[in-house]
């Protein structure tokens, strides 16, 4: 067996270890119902997703603060649909529901158990209380050495500041043997490239990479990470040697 060179693995949460779409749908539905909008999810979900995508991109660029984003997405949504609900109250209720949702991606728990000999780290862009609640409500909670959340770090991926914050906990000596795993090219992969660590693009749906961002590895199944760490993965860079 080839010598393992990755001893620290940084994982994204949403759409990497947890299926975010199910969590979002359940939380939005419950919030719309609480605010007496029984058709709200059906009528507004597509608009919400479009608005949210724009704002999360702005967050990655550093053009909007996280808490501002949390309210602004609903302010824009209600303006578009001429709804007089309070976006601040709606946002607070939505985040409360979201924190109760934890739907694991296939293979998530198994890959963490198989890599328990490594230092495992969460790095996520999101609200600290929500992401911690989702982790604690899942079977993943006891598998991580460190949990790094953008709201607490003061920076979000791909900004190098969140990596500096993470390595202040991980230890800078670990950098050469660290890899980051995530579904977002612009957040996880670009962030890893910017910081000089190897990257794994988790791409279960086989999306075309039409960007200039080139991950070290690309996988469709989370369990392939085990092969990368063991040095038996052949696609892309020649595994761990």
Protein backbone atom coordinates (compact mmCIF):
# COMPACT_ATOMS: atom_id res chain seq x y z
CA UNK A 1 0.00 0.00 0.00
CA UNK A 2 1.21 3.47 -0.80
CA UNK A 3 2.01 5.75 2.08
CA UNK A 4 -0.93 7.95 3.07
CA UNK A 5 -0.14 11.61 2.50
CA UNK A 6 -3.49 13.14 3.50
CA UNK A 7 -3.91 13.10 7.26
CA UNK A 8 -6.37 16.02 7.56
CA UNK A 9 -9.60 16.14 5.56
CA UNK A 10 -11.73 19.27 5.50
CA UNK A 11 -15.37 18.65 4.58
CA UNK A 12 -18.05 21.03 3.43
CA UNK A 13 -21.52 20.29 4.87
CA UNK A 14 -24.26 21.25 2.44
CA UNK A 15 -24.58 18.99 -0.60
CA UNK A 16 -21.40 17.23 0.48
CA UNK A 17 -22.19 15.48 3.76
CA UNK A 18 -25.81 16.63 4.03
CA UNK A 19 -28.44 16.96 1.35
CA UNK A 20 -29.38 20.61 1.62
CA UNK A 21 -32.35 20.64 -0.78
CA UNK A 22 -34.45 18.41 1.50
CA UNK A 23 -33.59 20.53 4.55
CA UNK A 24 -34.41 23.75 2.75
CA UNK A 25 -37.70 22.47 1.37
CA UNK A 26 -38.91 21.20 4.74
CA UNK A 27 -37.88 24.39 6.57
CA UNK A 28 -39.44 26.68 3.95
CA UNK A 29 -42.67 24.70 3.87
CA UNK A 30 -42.99 24.81 7.67
CA UNK A 31 -42.26 28.54 7.73
CA UNK A 32 -44.76 29.36 4.99
CA UNK A 33 -47.40 27.38 6.88
CA UNK A 34 -46.63 29.20 10.13
CA UNK A 35 -47.00 32.54 8.34
CA UNK A 36 -50.41 31.55 6.88
CA UNK A 37 -49.09 31.10 3.35
CA UNK A 38 -50.16 27.50 2.59
CA UNK A 39 -49.30 27.87 -1.10
CA UNK A 40 -46.12 29.82 -0.41
CA UNK A 41 -43.68 27.04 -1.13
CA UNK A 42 -45.34 26.08 -4.39
CA UNK A 43 -45.72 29.70 -5.52
CA UNK A 44 -42.40 31.13 -4.38
CA UNK A 45 -39.80 28.38 -4.18
CA UNK A 46 -38.41 28.88 -7.69
CA UNK A 47 -38.09 32.62 -7.11
CA UNK A 48 -36.50 32.03 -3.74
CA UNK A 49 -33.86 29.71 -5.19
CA UNK A 50 -32.94 32.24 -7.89
CA UNK A 51 -32.69 35.10 -5.39
CA UNK A 52 -30.74 33.00 -2.90
CA UNK A 53 -28.22 31.89 -5.54
CA UNK A 54 -27.45 35.49 -6.44
CA UNK A 55 -27.00 36.50 -2.81
CA UNK A 56 -24.79 33.53 -1.88
CA UNK A 57 -22.57 34.40 -4.83
CA UNK A 58 -22.39 37.94 -3.48
CA UNK A 59 -21.43 36.53 -0.08
CA UNK A 60 -18.54 34.56 -1.60
CA UNK A 61 -17.34 37.78 -3.23
CA UNK A 62 -17.55 39.61 0.08
CA UNK A 63 -20.24 42.01 -1.15
CA UNK A 64 -22.85 41.20 1.50
CA UNK A 65 -22.75 40.10 5.13
CA UNK A 66 -24.28 36.77 6.14
CA UNK A 67 -26.95 38.16 8.49
CA UNK A 68 -27.90 40.74 5.86
CA UNK A 69 -28.25 37.95 3.31
CA UNK A 70 -30.55 36.03 5.66
CA UNK A 71 -33.11 38.82 5.63
CA UNK A 72 -32.48 40.31 2.18
CA UNK A 73 -33.45 37.11 0.35
CA UNK A 74 -36.91 37.23 1.88
CA UNK A 75 -37.23 40.99 1.46
CA UNK A 76 -36.63 40.56 -2.29
CA UNK A 77 -38.91 37.53 -2.44
CA UNK A 78 -41.83 39.25 -0.76
CA UNK A 79 -41.35 42.36 -2.88
CA UNK A 80 -41.44 40.25 -6.04
CA UNK A 81 -44.58 38.41 -4.92
CA UNK A 82 -46.23 41.44 -3.30
CA UNK A 83 -46.41 39.76 0.11
CA UNK A 84 -46.61 41.92 3.23
CA UNK A 85 -44.90 39.49 5.64
CA UNK A 86 -42.00 40.77 7.72
CA UNK A 87 -38.75 39.41 6.19
CA UNK A 88 -36.86 39.62 9.49
CA UNK A 89 -39.44 37.55 11.37
CA UNK A 90 -39.72 35.13 8.47
CA UNK A 91 -35.96 34.68 8.30
CA UNK A 92 -35.69 34.00 12.02
CA UNK A 93 -38.43 31.38 11.88
CA UNK A 94 -36.97 29.76 8.78
CA UNK A 95 -33.51 29.43 10.34
CA UNK A 96 -35.06 27.90 13.44
CA UNK A 97 -36.75 25.23 11.33
CA UNK A 98 -33.65 24.72 9.20
CA UNK A 99 -31.57 23.92 12.26
CA UNK A 100 -33.81 20.90 12.93
CA UNK A 101 -33.22 19.35 9.49
CA UNK A 102 -30.39 16.85 8.98
CA UNK A 103 -30.52 14.64 5.88
CA UNK A 104 -27.30 12.76 5.20
CA UNK A 105 -25.82 12.20 1.77
CA UNK A 106 -25.30 8.58 0.78
CA UNK A 107 -22.04 7.29 2.20
CA UNK A 108 -21.45 10.27 4.49
CA UNK A 109 -21.39 8.38 7.77
CA UNK A 110 -19.46 5.44 6.34
CA UNK A 111 -16.69 7.61 4.90
CA UNK A 112 -16.22 9.39 8.23
CA UNK A 113 -16.03 6.10 10.07
CA UNK A 114 -13.49 4.76 7.57
CA UNK A 115 -11.37 7.90 7.96
CA UNK A 116 -11.56 8.08 11.75
CA UNK A 117 -7.75 7.73 11.91
CA UNK A 118 -7.46 11.12 10.14
CA UNK A 119 -8.06 14.58 11.54
CA UNK A 120 -11.54 15.47 10.30
CA UNK A 121 -12.70 19.07 10.03
CA UNK A 122 -15.93 20.79 9.02
CA UNK A 123 -15.65 24.06 7.09
CA UNK A 124 -18.95 25.61 6.10
CA UNK A 125 -20.34 28.94 4.96
CA UNK A 126 -23.42 29.51 7.03
CA UNK A 127 -25.08 30.54 10.26
CA UNK A 128 -23.24 29.19 13.29
CA UNK A 129 -26.26 28.22 15.38
CA UNK A 130 -28.04 26.62 12.43
CA UNK A 131 -25.12 24.55 11.18
CA UNK A 132 -24.20 23.36 14.67
CA UNK A 133 -27.80 22.40 15.35
CA UNK A 134 -27.98 20.40 12.12
CA UNK A 135 -24.75 18.60 12.95
CA UNK A 136 -25.83 17.85 16.52
CA UNK A 137 -29.15 16.50 15.23
CA UNK A 138 -27.32 14.08 12.94
CA UNK A 139 -25.20 10.97 13.31
CA UNK A 140 -22.16 12.98 12.18
CA UNK A 141 -21.72 15.06 15.29
CA UNK A 142 -19.07 12.98 17.09
CA UNK A 143 -16.79 12.45 14.11
CA UNK A 144 -15.06 15.83 13.84
CA UNK A 145 -12.02 17.24 15.56
CA UNK A 146 -12.87 20.83 14.61
CA UNK A 147 -15.93 22.66 13.27
CA UNK A 148 -15.21 25.88 11.37
CA UNK A 149 -18.18 28.07 10.46
CA UNK A 150 -17.86 31.25 8.42
CA UNK A 151 -20.01 33.35 10.75
CA UNK A 152 -17.67 32.59 13.65
CA UNK A 153 -14.49 32.85 11.58
CA UNK A 154 -15.46 36.24 10.18
CA UNK A 155 -14.64 35.07 6.65
CA UNK A 156 -16.35 32.76 4.19
CA UNK A 157 -14.96 30.38 1.58
CA UNK A 158 -13.13 31.02 -0.72
CA UNK A 159 -11.54 33.83 1.33
CA UNK A 160 -8.16 32.71 2.73
CA UNK A 161 -9.18 34.20 6.08
CA UNK A 162 -11.41 31.23 6.91
CA UNK A 163 -8.52 28.88 6.13
CA UNK A 164 -6.20 30.88 8.39
CA UNK A 165 -8.85 30.56 11.11
CA UNK A 166 -9.14 26.81 10.50
CA UNK A 167 -5.40 26.18 10.57
CA UNK A 168 -5.07 28.11 13.81
CA UNK A 169 -7.06 25.17 15.23
CA UNK A 170 -5.75 22.38 13.01
CA UNK A 171 -2.10 23.37 13.25
CA UNK A 172 -0.12 24.85 10.38
CA UNK A 173 2.11 21.76 10.17
CA UNK A 174 -0.88 19.84 8.83
CA UNK A 175 -1.27 22.02 5.73
CA UNK A 176 0.93 19.91 3.45
CA UNK A 177 -1.15 16.83 4.25
CA UNK A 178 -4.58 18.46 4.09
CA UNK A 179 -7.26 18.10 1.44
CA UNK A 180 -10.64 19.84 1.17
CA UNK A 181 -13.80 18.08 -0.08
CA UNK A 182 -16.81 20.00 -1.34
CA UNK A 183 -19.44 20.36 -4.03
CA UNK A 184 -18.84 24.01 -4.91
CA UNK A 185 -16.15 24.92 -7.42
CA UNK A 186 -16.29 28.61 -6.55
CA UNK A 187 -16.33 28.15 -2.78
CA UNK A 188 -14.65 24.89 -1.70
CA UNK A 189 -12.38 24.20 -4.64
CA UNK A 190 -11.35 27.78 -5.37
CA UNK A 191 -10.78 28.32 -1.67
CA UNK A 192 -8.51 25.30 -1.45
CA UNK A 193 -6.59 26.33 -4.57
CA UNK A 194 -6.15 29.86 -3.22
CA UNK A 195 -4.73 28.45 0.00
CA UNK A 196 -2.42 25.94 -1.66
CA UNK A 197 -4.05 22.68 -0.55
CA UNK A 198 -5.32 19.80 -2.66
CA UNK A 199 -9.00 19.67 -3.50
CA UNK A 200 -11.74 17.10 -4.13
CA UNK A 201 -14.75 18.21 -6.15
CA UNK A 202 -17.75 16.10 -5.11
CA UNK A 203 -19.85 16.00 -8.27
CA UNK A 204 -22.44 13.21 -7.89
CA UNK A 205 -24.63 14.45 -10.76
CA UNK A 206 -21.76 14.62 -13.23
CA UNK A 207 -22.06 18.34 -13.94
CA UNK A 208 -19.82 19.79 -16.61
CA UNK A 209 -17.06 21.98 -15.25
CA UNK A 210 -17.31 25.02 -17.52
CA UNK A 211 -15.06 27.14 -15.32
CA UNK A 212 -11.32 27.61 -15.21
CA UNK A 213 -11.27 26.12 -11.70
CA UNK A 214 -9.50 22.74 -11.78
CA UNK A 215 -9.78 20.47 -8.72
CA UNK A 216 -7.05 17.98 -7.89
CA UNK A 217 -9.64 15.19 -7.92
CA UNK A 218 -13.25 14.79 -9.03
CA UNK A 219 -15.53 12.14 -7.51
CA UNK A 220 -19.15 11.04 -7.82
CA UNK A 221 -19.28 8.89 -4.68
CA UNK A 222 -18.13 10.03 -1.24
CA UNK A 223 -16.54 6.63 -0.61
CA UNK A 224 -14.00 7.42 -3.32
CA UNK A 225 -12.34 9.73 -0.79
CA UNK A 226 -11.11 6.61 1.00
CA UNK A 227 -9.30 5.54 -2.17
CA UNK A 228 -7.75 9.00 -2.47
CA UNK A 229 -6.41 8.86 1.08
CA UNK A 230 -5.21 5.26 0.60
CA UNK A 231 -3.40 6.08 -2.61
CA UNK A 232 -5.49 3.79 -4.80
CA UNK A 233 -7.45 6.46 -6.68
CA UNK A 234 -6.30 6.74 -10.28
CA UNK A 235 -8.28 9.64 -11.82
CA UNK A 236 -6.56 13.01 -11.86
CA UNK A 237 -3.54 13.30 -9.62
CA UNK A 238 -1.95 9.94 -8.87
CA UNK A 239 -3.52 9.43 -5.48
CA UNK A 240 -1.46 9.45 -2.30
CA UNK A 241 2.11 8.31 -2.69
